[in-house]
PDB file of N, CA and C in Angstrom:
ATOM      1  N   MET A   1      73.634 112.229  52.855  1.00  0.00           N
ATOM      2  CA  MET A   1      74.621 112.513  53.859  1.00  0.00           C
ATOM      3  C   MET A   1      74.788 114.066  54.086  1.00  0.00           C
ATOM      4  N   ALA A   2      74.480 114.457  55.264  1.00  0.00           N
ATOM      5  CA  ALA A   2      74.551 115.857  55.611  1.00  0.00           C
ATOM      6  C   ALA A   2      75.880 116.290  56.168  1.00  0.00           C
ATOM      7  N   LEU A   3      76.307 117.523  55.603  1.00  0.00           N
ATOM      8  CA  LEU A   3      77.548 117.929  56.136  1.00  0.00           C
ATOM      9  C   LEU A   3      77.284 119.039  57.272  1.00  0.00           C
ATOM     10  N   ALA A   4      78.178 119.196  58.176  1.00  0.00           N
ATOM     11  CA  ALA A   4      78.021 120.097  59.271  1.00  0.00           C
ATOM     12  C   ALA A   4      78.240 121.548  58.652  1.00  0.00           C
ATOM     13  N   ASP A   5      77.745 122.508  59.341  1.00  0.00           N
ATOM     14  CA  ASP A   5      77.912 123.946  58.921  1.00  0.00           C
ATOM     15  C   ASP A   5      79.465 124.258  58.977  1.00  0.00           C
ATOM     16  N   ILE A   6      79.912 124.981  57.993  1.00  0.00           N
ATOM     17  CA  ILE A   6      81.205 125.513  58.049  1.00  0.00           C
ATOM     18  C   ILE A   6      81.208 126.649  59.123  1.00  0.00           C
ATOM     19  N   VAL A   7      82.376 126.599  59.933  1.00  0.00           N
ATOM     20  CA  VAL A   7      82.378 127.481  61.070  1.00  0.00           C
ATOM     21  C   VAL A   7      83.865 128.113  60.954  1.00  0.00           C
ATOM     22  N   ASN A   8      84.000 129.421  60.860  1.00  0.00           N
ATOM     23  CA  ASN A   8      85.115 130.175  60.980  1.00  0.00           C
ATOM     24  C   ASN A   8      85.638 130.197  62.432  1.00  0.00           C
ATOM     25  N   LEU A   9      86.775 129.449  62.749  1.00  0.00           N
ATOM     26  CA  LEU A   9      87.125 129.331  64.107  1.00  0.00           C
ATOM     27  C   LEU A   9      87.614 130.734  64.639  1.00  0.00           C
ATOM     28  N   ARG A  10      88.115 131.630  63.884  1.00  0.00           N
ATOM     29  CA  ARG A  10      88.736 132.922  64.392  1.00  0.00           C
ATOM     30  C   ARG A  10      87.519 133.761  64.787  1.00  0.00           C
ATOM     31  N   GLN A  11      86.326 133.777  64.070  1.00  0.00           N
ATOM     32  CA  GLN A  11      85.227 134.462  64.324  1.00  0.00           C
ATOM     33  C   GLN A  11      84.597 133.892  65.549  1.00  0.00           C
ATOM     34  N   PHE A  12      84.528 132.498  65.615  1.00  0.00           N
ATOM     35  CA  PHE A  12      83.859 131.763  66.830  1.00  0.00           C
ATOM     36  C   PHE A  12      84.627 132.260  68.152  1.00  0.00           C
ATOM     37  N   ARG A  13      86.020 132.140  68.078  1.00  0.00           N
ATOM     38  CA  ARG A  13      86.892 132.440  69.275  1.00  0.00           C
ATOM     39  C   ARG A  13      86.495 133.891  69.726  1.00  0.00           C
ATOM     40  N   LYS A  14      86.449 134.975  68.734  1.00  0.00           N
ATOM     41  CA  LYS A  14      86.110 136.317  69.015  1.00  0.00           C
ATOM     42  C   LYS A  14      84.785 136.496  69.730  1.00  0.00           C
ATOM     43  N   GLN A  15      83.875 135.811  69.071  1.00  0.00           N
ATOM     44  CA  GLN A  15      82.490 135.862  69.655  1.00  0.00           C
ATOM     45  C   GLN A  15      82.464 135.255  71.094  1.00  0.00           C
ATOM     46  N   LYS A  16      83.246 134.131  71.395  1.00  0.00           N
ATOM     47  CA  LYS A  16      83.232 133.616  72.672  1.00  0.00           C
ATOM     48  C   LYS A  16      83.924 134.525  73.628  1.00  0.00           C
ATOM     49  N   ALA A  17      85.111 135.272  73.246  1.00  0.00           N
ATOM     50  CA  ALA A  17      85.712 136.075  74.036  1.00  0.00           C
ATOM     51  C   ALA A  17      84.909 137.429  74.480  1.00  0.00           C
ATOM     52  N   CYS A  18      84.174 137.850  73.467  1.00  0.00           N
ATOM     53  CA  CYS A  18      83.296 138.975  73.784  1.00  0.00           C
ATOM     54  C   CYS A  18      82.209 138.527  74.660  1.00  0.00           C
ATOM     55  N   ALA A  19      81.662 137.380  74.520  1.00  0.00           N
ATOM     56  CA  ALA A  19      80.538 136.972  75.595  1.00  0.00           C
ATOM     57  C   ALA A  19      81.104 136.708  76.894  1.00  0.00           C
ATOM     58  N   ASP A  20      82.241 136.226  77.141  1.00  0.00           N
ATOM     59  CA  ASP A  20      82.980 136.122  78.387  1.00  0.00           C
ATOM     60  C   ASP A  20      83.174 137.485  78.937  1.00  0.00           C
ATOM     61  N   LYS A  21      83.701 138.344  78.221  1.00  0.00           N
ATOM     62  CA  LYS A  21      83.919 139.749  78.734  1.00  0.00           C
ATOM     63  C   LYS A  21      82.585 140.457  79.283  1.00  0.00           C
ATOM     64  N   GLU A  22      81.603 140.257  78.416  1.00  0.00           N
ATOM     65  CA  GLU A  22      80.283 140.762  78.757  1.00  0.00           C
ATOM     66  C   GLU A  22      79.815 140.289  79.959  1.00  0.00           C
ATOM     67  N   ARG A  23      80.030 139.000  80.174  1.00  0.00           N
ATOM     68  CA  ARG A  23      79.564 138.144  81.567  1.00  0.00           C
ATOM     69  C   ARG A  23      80.295 138.773  82.806  1.00  0.00           C
ATOM     70  N   GLU A  24      81.533 138.905  82.555  1.00  0.00           N
ATOM     71  CA  GLU A  24      82.387 139.533  83.617  1.00  0.00           C
ATOM     72  C   GLU A  24      81.988 141.039  84.018  1.00  0.00           C
ATOM     73  N   ALA A  25      81.708 141.693  82.792  1.00  0.00           N
ATOM     74  CA  ALA A  25      81.311 143.043  83.143  1.00  0.00           C
ATOM     75  C   ALA A  25      79.924 143.202  83.754  1.00  0.00           C
ATOM     76  N   GLU A  26      79.071 142.262  83.572  1.00  0.00           N
ATOM     77  CA  GLU A  26      77.825 142.179  84.316  1.00  0.00           C
ATOM     78  C   GLU A  26      77.995 141.936  85.621  1.00  0.00           C
ATOM     79  N   GLN A  27      78.886 141.006  86.156  1.00  0.00           N
ATOM     80  CA  GLN A  27      79.171 140.653  87.484  1.00  0.00           C
ATOM     81  C   GLN A  27      79.840 141.813  88.133  1.00  0.00           C
ATOM     82  N   SER A  28      80.679 142.581  87.505  1.00  0.00           N
ATOM     83  CA  SER A  28      81.373 143.739  88.030  1.00  0.00           C
ATOM     84  C   SER A  28      80.295 144.848  88.283  1.00  0.00           C
ATOM     85  N   ARG A  29      79.439 145.049  87.343  1.00  0.00           N
ATOM     86  CA  ARG A  29      78.450 146.071  87.499  1.00  0.00           C
ATOM     87  C   ARG A  29      77.640 145.800  88.692  1.00  0.00           C
ATOM     88  N   ALA A  30      77.264 144.497  88.946  1.00  0.00           N
ATOM     89  CA  ALA A  30      76.392 144.088  90.055  1.00  0.00           C
ATOM     90  C   ALA A  30      77.151 144.349  91.448  1.00  0.00           C
ATOM     91  N   LEU A  31      78.483 144.237  91.376  1.00  0.00           N
ATOM     92  CA  LEU A  31      79.211 144.322  92.731  1.00  0.00           C
ATOM     93  C   LEU A  31      79.723 145.698  93.022  1.00  0.00           C
ATOM     94  N   HIS A  32      80.039 146.529  91.903  1.00  0.00           N
ATOM     95  CA  HIS A  32      80.601 147.706  92.096  1.00  0.00           C
ATOM     96  C   HIS A  32      79.742 148.942  91.617  1.00  0.00           C
ATOM     97  N   GLY A  33      78.639 148.614  90.990  1.00  0.00           N
ATOM     98  CA  GLY A  33      77.992 149.671  90.206  1.00  0.00           C
ATOM     99  C   GLY A  33      77.033 150.379  91.060  1.00  0.00           C
ATOM    100  N   ARG A  34      77.449 151.072  92.214  1.00  0.00           N
ATOM    101  CA  ARG A  34      76.444 151.866  93.046  1.00  0.00           C
ATOM    102  C   ARG A  34      76.692 153.322  92.528  1.00  0.00           C
ATOM    103  N   SER A  35      75.647 154.082  92.724  1.00  0.00           N
ATOM    104  CA  SER A  35      75.759 155.485  92.413  1.00  0.00           C
ATOM    105  C   SER A  35      76.424 156.194  93.564  1.00  0.00           C
ATOM    106  N   LYS A  36      76.893 157.496  93.359  1.00  0.00           N
ATOM    107  CA  LYS A  36      77.575 158.351  94.345  1.00  0.00           C
ATOM    108  C   LYS A  36      76.627 158.446  95.602  1.00  0.00           C
ATOM    109  N   ALA A  37      75.284 158.760  95.366  1.00  0.00           N
ATOM    110  CA  ALA A  37      74.397 158.911  96.350  1.00  0.00           C
ATOM    111  C   ALA A  37      74.170 157.687  97.289  1.00  0.00           C
ATOM    112  N   GLU A  38      74.086 156.563  96.638  1.00  0.00           N
ATOM    113  CA  GLU A  38      74.105 155.391  97.554  1.00  0.00           C
ATOM    114  C   GLU A  38      75.382 155.165  98.390  1.00  0.00           C
ATOM    115  N   LYS A  39      76.557 155.357  97.784  1.00  0.00           N
ATOM    116  CA  LYS A  39      77.769 155.343  98.552  1.00  0.00           C
ATOM    117  C   LYS A  39      77.744 156.343  99.690  1.00  0.00           C
ATOM    118  N   GLN A  40      77.348 157.610  99.555  1.00  0.00           N
ATOM    119  CA  GLN A  40      77.192 158.585 100.570  1.00  0.00           C
ATOM    120  C   GLN A  40      76.396 158.208 101.632  1.00  0.00           C
ATOM    121  N   ARG A  41      75.114 157.577 101.240  1.00  0.00           N
ATOM    122  CA  ARG A  41      74.140 157.224 102.218  1.00  0.00           C
ATOM    123  C   ARG A  41      74.665 156.115 103.150  1.00  0.00           C
ATOM    124  N   ASP A  42      75.233 155.198 102.591  1.00  0.00           N
ATOM    125  CA  ASP A  42      75.700 154.027 103.287  1.00  0.00           C
ATOM    126  C   ASP A  42      76.950 154.498 104.412  1.00  0.00           C
ATOM    127  N   ARG A  43      77.686 155.528 103.774  1.00  0.00           N
ATOM    128  CA  ARG A  43      78.835 156.005 104.574  1.00  0.00           C
ATOM    129  C   ARG A  43      78.208 156.809 105.821  1.00  0.00           C
ATOM    130  N   LYS A  44      77.148 157.667 105.689  1.00  0.00           N
ATOM    131  CA  LYS A  44      76.530 158.357 106.700  1.00  0.00           C
ATOM    132  C   LYS A  44      75.881 157.509 107.579  1.00  0.00           C
ATOM    133  N   GLN A  45      75.296 156.317 107.135  1.00  0.00           N
ATOM    134  CA  GLN A  45      74.619 155.469 108.003  1.00  0.00           C
ATOM    135  C   GLN A  45      75.706 154.785 108.901  1.00  0.00           C
ATOM    136  N   ALA A  46      76.843 154.378 108.474  1.00  0.00           N
ATOM    137  CA  ALA A  46      77.845 153.742 109.136  1.00  0.00           C
ATOM    138  C   ALA A  46      78.436 154.733 110.173  1.00  0.00           C
ATOM    139  N   GLU A  47      78.669 155.969 109.909  1.00  0.00           N
ATOM    140  CA  GLU A  47      79.128 156.971 110.848  1.00  0.00           C
ATOM    141  C   GLU A  47      78.061 157.163 111.847  1.00  0.00           C
ATOM    142  N   GLN A  48      76.829 157.168 111.589  1.00  0.00           N
ATOM    143  CA  GLN A  48      75.897 157.481 112.701  1.00  0.00           C
ATOM    144  C   GLN A  48      75.773 156.110 113.636  1.00  0.00           C
ATOM    145  N   ALA A  49      76.061 155.034 113.060  1.00  0.00           N
ATOM    146  CA  ALA A  49      76.028 153.890 114.034  1.00  0.00           C
ATOM    147  C   ALA A  49      77.203 153.987 114.750  1.00  0.00           C
ATOM    148  N   SER A  50      78.382 154.302 114.284  1.00  0.00           N
ATOM    149  CA  SER A  50      79.718 154.337 115.068  1.00  0.00           C
ATOM    150  C   SER A  50      79.459 155.333 116.130  1.00  0.00           C
ATOM    151  N   ARG A  51      78.915 156.611 115.845  1.00  0.00           N
ATOM    152  CA  ARG A  51      78.710 157.530 117.010  1.00  0.00           C
ATOM    153  C   ARG A  51      77.784 157.202 118.064  1.00  0.00           C
ATOM    154  N   PHE A  52      76.764 156.410 117.641  1.00  0.00           N
ATOM    155  CA  PHE A  52      75.812 155.881 118.493  1.00  0.00           C
ATOM    156  C   PHE A  52      76.378 155.063 119.453  1.00  0.00           C
ATOM    157  N   ILE A  53      77.214 154.041 118.971  1.00  0.00           N
ATOM    158  CA  ILE A  53      77.969 152.949 119.847  1.00  0.00           C
ATOM    159  C   ILE A  53      78.854 153.769 120.802  1.00  0.00           C
ATOM    160  N   GLU A  54      79.620 154.754 120.230  1.00  0.00           N
ATOM    161  CA  GLU A  54      80.618 155.405 121.019  1.00  0.00           C
ATOM    162  C   GLU A  54      79.978 156.141 122.139  1.00  0.00           C
ATOM    163  N   GLY A  55      78.867 156.779 121.872  1.00  0.00           N
ATOM    164  CA  GLY A  55      78.181 157.588 122.730  1.00  0.00           C
ATOM    165  C   GLY A  55      77.438 156.752 123.951  1.00  0.00           C
ATOM    166  N   HIS A  56      77.219 155.428 123.707  1.00  0.00           N
ATOM    167  CA  HIS A  56      76.579 154.439 124.719  1.00  0.00           C
ATOM    168  C   HIS A  56      77.535 153.632 125.463  1.00  0.00           C
ATOM    169  N   LYS A  57      78.885 153.866 125.218  1.00  0.00           N
ATOM    170  CA  LYS A  57      79.775 152.920 126.065  1.00  0.00           C
ATOM    171  C   LYS A  57      79.777 153.344 127.383  1.00  0.00           C
ATOM    172  N   ARG A  58      80.157 152.477 128.291  1.00  0.00           N
ATOM    173  CA  ARG A  58      80.270 152.795 129.787  1.00  0.00           C
ATOM    174  C   ARG A  58      81.464 153.466 129.997  1.00  0.00           C
ATOM    175  N   GLU A  59      82.567 153.164 129.468  1.00  0.00           N
ATOM    176  CA  GLU A  59      83.826 153.713 129.633  1.00  0.00           C
ATOM    177  C   GLU A  59      84.391 154.419 128.385  1.00  0.00           C
ATOM    178  N   LYS A  60      84.788 155.599 128.448  1.00  0.00           N
ATOM    179  CA  LYS A  60      85.352 156.348 127.240  1.00  0.00           C
ATOM    180  C   LYS A  60      86.906 155.882 127.228  1.00  0.00           C
ATOM    181  N   ASN A  61      87.269 155.638 125.972  1.00  0.00           N
ATOM    182  CA  ASN A  61      88.733 155.273 125.801  1.00  0.00           C
ATOM    183  C   ASN A  61      89.497 156.452 125.194  1.00  0.00           C
ATOM    184  N   ASP A  62      89.120 157.718 125.765  1.00  0.00           N
ATOM    185  CA  ASP A  62      89.919 158.831 125.261  1.00  0.00           C
ATOM    186  C   ASP A  62      91.250 158.867 125.794  1.00  0.00           C
ATOM    187  N   ASP A  63      91.433 158.416 127.013  1.00  0.00           N
ATOM    188  CA  ASP A  63      92.696 158.569 127.809  1.00  0.00           C
ATOM    189  C   ASP A  63      93.770 157.369 127.251  1.00  0.00           C
ATOM    190  N   PRO A  64      94.759 157.728 126.765  1.00  0.00           N
ATOM    191  CA  PRO A  64      95.588 156.691 126.116  1.00  0.00           C
ATOM    192  C   PRO A  64      96.324 155.760 127.181  1.00  0.00           C
ATOM    193  N   ALA A  65      96.551 156.335 128.348  1.00  0.00           N
ATOM    194  CA  ALA A  65      97.060 155.590 129.420  1.00  0.00           C
ATOM    195  C   ALA A  65      96.132 155.590 130.576  1.00  0.00           C
ATOM    196  N   PRO A  66      95.682 154.433 131.028  1.00  0.00           N
ATOM    197  CA  PRO A  66      94.618 154.380 132.160  1.00  0.00           C
ATOM    198  C   PRO A  66      95.358 154.850 133.399  1.00  0.00           C
ATOM    199  N   SER A  67      94.612 155.455 134.272  1.00  0.00           N
ATOM    200  CA  SER A  67      95.195 155.835 135.619  1.00  0.00           C
ATOM    201  C   SER A  67      95.365 154.611 136.530  1.00  0.00           C
ATOM    202  N   GLN A  68      96.233 154.778 137.404  1.00  0.00           N
ATOM    203  CA  GLN A  68      96.598 153.654 138.218  1.00  0.00           C
ATOM    204  C   GLN A  68      96.431 154.107 139.585  1.00  0.00           C
ATOM    205  N   GLU A  69      95.176 154.690 139.875  1.00  0.00           N
ATOM    206  CA  GLU A  69      94.875 154.977 141.240  1.00  0.00           C
ATOM    207  C   GLU A  69      94.610 153.863 142.160  1.00  0.00           C
ATOM    208  N   GLY A  70      95.269 153.921 143.398  1.00  0.00           N
ATOM    209  CA  GLY A  70      95.127 152.880 144.230  1.00  0.00           C
ATOM    210  C   GLY A  70      96.014 151.726 143.937  1.00  0.00           C
ATOM    211  N   ALA A  71      96.801 151.727 143.038  1.00  0.00           N
ATOM    212  CA  ALA A  71      97.756 150.716 142.627  1.00  0.00           C
ATOM    213  C   ALA A  71      99.071 150.900 143.656  1.00  0.00           C
ATOM    214  N   PRO A  72      99.529 149.661 143.982  1.00  0.00           N
ATOM    215  CA  PRO A  72     100.737 149.834 144.880  1.00  0.00           C
ATOM    216  C   PRO A  72     101.963 150.311 144.026  1.00  0.00           C
ATOM    217  N   ARG A  73     102.793 151.138 144.764  1.00  0.00           N
ATOM    218  CA  ARG A  73     104.091 151.711 144.025  1.00  0.00           C
ATOM    219  C   ARG A  73     105.171 150.994 144.449  1.00  0.00           C
TER     220      ARG A  73
END
């Protein structure tokens, strides 16, 4: 008759908690772990795209109130 290995439950819980934290940290690094240069590059590309789109619009939206030329008074 073979007996099961004796397991210290406190140590087992601590090892499980540590493994869970490491797994969460890995996921966080994948989501948020970008270098400063990568963030700046992405920000610059977004600004360039925004300027490109603004520069090619048919009507500029700089005037807050559109003119009412030819409208009945």
